[in-house]
Every structure is written in structure tokens, then in C-alpha cells.
Protein backbone atom coordinates (compact mmCIF):
# COMPACT_ATOMS: atom_id res chain seq x y z
CA MET A 1 -10.45 -23.87 -14.43
CA ARG A 2 -13.27 -23.57 -11.02
CA ARG A 3 -12.73 -19.36 -8.76
CA ALA A 4 -11.25 -21.06 -5.46
CA ALA A 5 -14.14 -20.79 -2.92
CA ASN A 6 -12.00 -18.62 -0.06
CA GLN A 7 -9.64 -16.05 -2.30
CA PRO A 8 -6.94 -14.38 -0.55
CA VAL A 9 -7.08 -11.69 1.75
CA THR A 10 -5.01 -8.88 2.40
CA THR A 11 -4.04 -8.94 6.26
CA ALA A 12 -1.36 -5.94 5.89
CA LEU A 13 -0.80 -2.87 4.31
CA THR A 14 2.87 -0.77 5.45
CA ILE A 15 3.76 2.05 3.52
CA PHE A 16 7.14 3.62 5.53
CA ALA A 17 10.85 4.38 5.26
CA GLY A 18 10.33 4.02 1.27
CA ILE A 19 8.85 0.39 1.41
CA TYR A 20 6.15 -0.53 0.66
CA ALA A 21 4.85 -4.37 2.38
CA LYS A 22 1.68 -6.16 1.67
CA ALA A 23 0.66 -9.14 3.67
CA TYR A 24 -1.50 -11.69 2.60
CA THR A 25 -3.58 -15.23 2.92
CA VAL A 26 -4.28 -17.88 0.82
CA PRO A 27 -6.54 -20.25 2.37
CA ASP A 28 -6.52 -23.36 0.29
CA ALA A 29 -4.01 -25.21 -1.58
CA ASP A 30 -4.01 -25.60 -4.87
CA THR A 31 -4.93 -21.56 -5.54
CA LEU A 32 -3.26 -20.19 -8.54
CA LEU A 33 -2.41 -16.27 -8.21
CA PRO A 34 -2.13 -15.29 -11.60
CA GLN A 35 0.59 -13.82 -13.70
CA HIS A 36 1.27 -10.10 -13.52
CA SER A 37 3.94 -8.65 -13.76
CA HIS A 38 5.51 -4.68 -12.34
CA LYS A 39 7.19 -1.97 -13.79
CA THR A 40 9.99 -2.16 -10.82
CA GLY A 41 11.36 -5.12 -9.56
CA HIS A 42 10.62 -6.43 -5.48
CA VAL A 43 10.71 -9.76 -3.72
CA THR A 44 7.96 -11.88 -2.39
CA ALA A 45 8.49 -13.20 1.03
CA ILE A 46 7.12 -16.84 1.58
CA THR A 47 6.51 -16.73 5.62
CA ALA A 48 4.46 -19.51 5.92
CA GLY A 49 3.35 -23.12 3.83
CA SER A 50 4.70 -23.74 0.81
CA VAL A 51 4.06 -22.20 -3.38
CA ARG A 52 5.32 -22.80 -6.76
CA ALA A 53 6.51 -20.59 -8.65
CA TRP A 54 6.60 -19.14 -12.59
CA ARG A 55 9.34 -16.26 -13.57
CA ASP A 56 8.18 -15.71 -16.95
CA GLY A 57 6.75 -19.03 -17.73
CA GLU A 58 10.29 -21.04 -16.28
CA LEU A 59 9.74 -22.96 -12.77
CA LEU A 60 11.69 -21.56 -10.29
CA GLY A 61 10.99 -24.39 -7.96
CA ASP A 62 8.82 -24.96 -4.41
CA PHE A 63 9.92 -22.62 -2.02
CA HIS A 64 9.04 -23.33 1.75
CA ALA A 65 8.70 -20.74 4.37
CA PRO A 66 10.31 -18.84 5.06
CA ALA A 67 11.48 -18.37 1.83
CA LEU A 68 12.21 -15.13 -0.63
CA VAL A 69 11.10 -15.08 -4.16
CA LEU A 70 13.56 -12.17 -6.39
CA ILE A 71 11.28 -11.31 -9.01
CA PRO A 72 12.93 -8.57 -11.88
CA ALA A 73 10.85 -5.50 -13.53
CA HIS A 74 8.78 -6.57 -16.18
CA THR A 75 8.45 -10.03 -15.16
CA MET A 76 6.34 -12.02 -15.26
CA HIS A 77 5.02 -14.43 -12.37
CA SER A 78 2.93 -16.78 -10.61
CA PHE A 79 2.18 -18.39 -7.54
CA LEU A 80 0.17 -21.95 -7.12
CA THR A 81 0.00 -22.97 -3.20
CA LEU A 82 0.92 -26.00 -2.08
CA SER A 83 -0.45 -26.38 1.49
CA ASP A 84 -3.38 -24.47 2.85
CA GLN A 85 -3.16 -20.88 5.29
CA VAL A 86 -0.05 -19.31 2.81
CA SER A 87 1.84 -16.44 4.17
CA LEU A 88 3.14 -14.54 1.63
CA ILE A 89 4.81 -10.26 1.79
CA CYS A 90 5.10 -8.65 -1.68
CA ILE A 91 7.91 -6.37 -1.06
CA HIS A 92 8.72 -3.24 -3.17
CA ASN A 93 10.01 0.27 -3.31
CA ALA A 94 7.40 2.60 -2.58
CA ASP A 95 9.09 5.30 -4.49
CA HIS A 96 7.46 3.88 -7.38
CA LEU A 97 3.52 3.48 -6.55
CA ASP A 98 0.91 4.11 -8.92
CA GLU A 99 -1.46 6.85 -8.38
CA VAL A 100 -3.84 4.91 -5.69
CA ASN A 101 -1.00 3.68 -3.68
CA GLU A 102 0.49 0.28 -5.05
CA PRO A 103 2.84 -0.98 -7.15
CA ALA A 104 2.46 -0.35 -10.41
CA VAL A 105 1.34 -2.86 -13.39
CA ALA A 106 3.35 -3.19 -16.32
CA GLU A 107 0.80 -6.28 -17.31
CA MET A 108 -1.46 -8.49 -16.17
CA HIS A 109 -3.29 -11.50 -16.99
CA THR A 110 -6.04 -12.89 -15.91
CA LEU A 111 -7.97 -16.39 -15.58
CA ASP A 112 -11.19 -17.46 -17.56
CA LEU A 113 -13.07 -19.29 -14.52
CA GLU A 114 -16.24 -21.26 -14.24
CA ASP A 115 -18.52 -19.86 -11.16
């Protein structure tokens, strides 16, 4: 698999009133966001474009903005962008952030990519 020419870009990060929200944009269709899981559940809001989502290897389906994808704790999840300029917001409970103020990751998978 080749590395996406244009990587996702974080566009906003907010911690307020017990809520952590990280917004990012994925410029190109067919960009795979690798699987990972968090120690607590969260919601991913699709605010522009379309994605295909998997949870623990099971296809959840295609989501078109505006849409919410519910991700339980310790559940591996990944997204494939189906359109250009996809915008997502991951929303977590800020009371469960790690030492660098990010949602605690339980497990991370990486992709073996060609240059």
C-alpha cells in the first residue's frame, strides 16, 4: 500500500467543560486511517464528506456527513475516506486523557507503506 500523498491535517483541538474534541481534515479520497482503540468510548462525527467505517474488523457501513459513529472502549476502529476533503471530529471525555493530554490509546496498528 502506498502512503497517501496528502496526510490528514489536525484543524482544531479543544479541551473544554470535560470534553476533548479533535477536528481534522483528510484531503484525498481512498485514504485509510489505521485501526486503533482507546481505553474509553468516544464518538466520531463526520462533518464533511463520506467514510467507510469498521469496528473490530466488522464493516459498519458508509457514513455521509452529517453522521456520528459510536466507538465503544477497547474497540479497534478504522476509516476509509470515500470522498475528498473529509472532515471528522473525535469527541472524548477529557477526564481520561493521558500524560500528553490525548485520549489514552489501548492498542495501535500501523500500516506497512511504500514510499
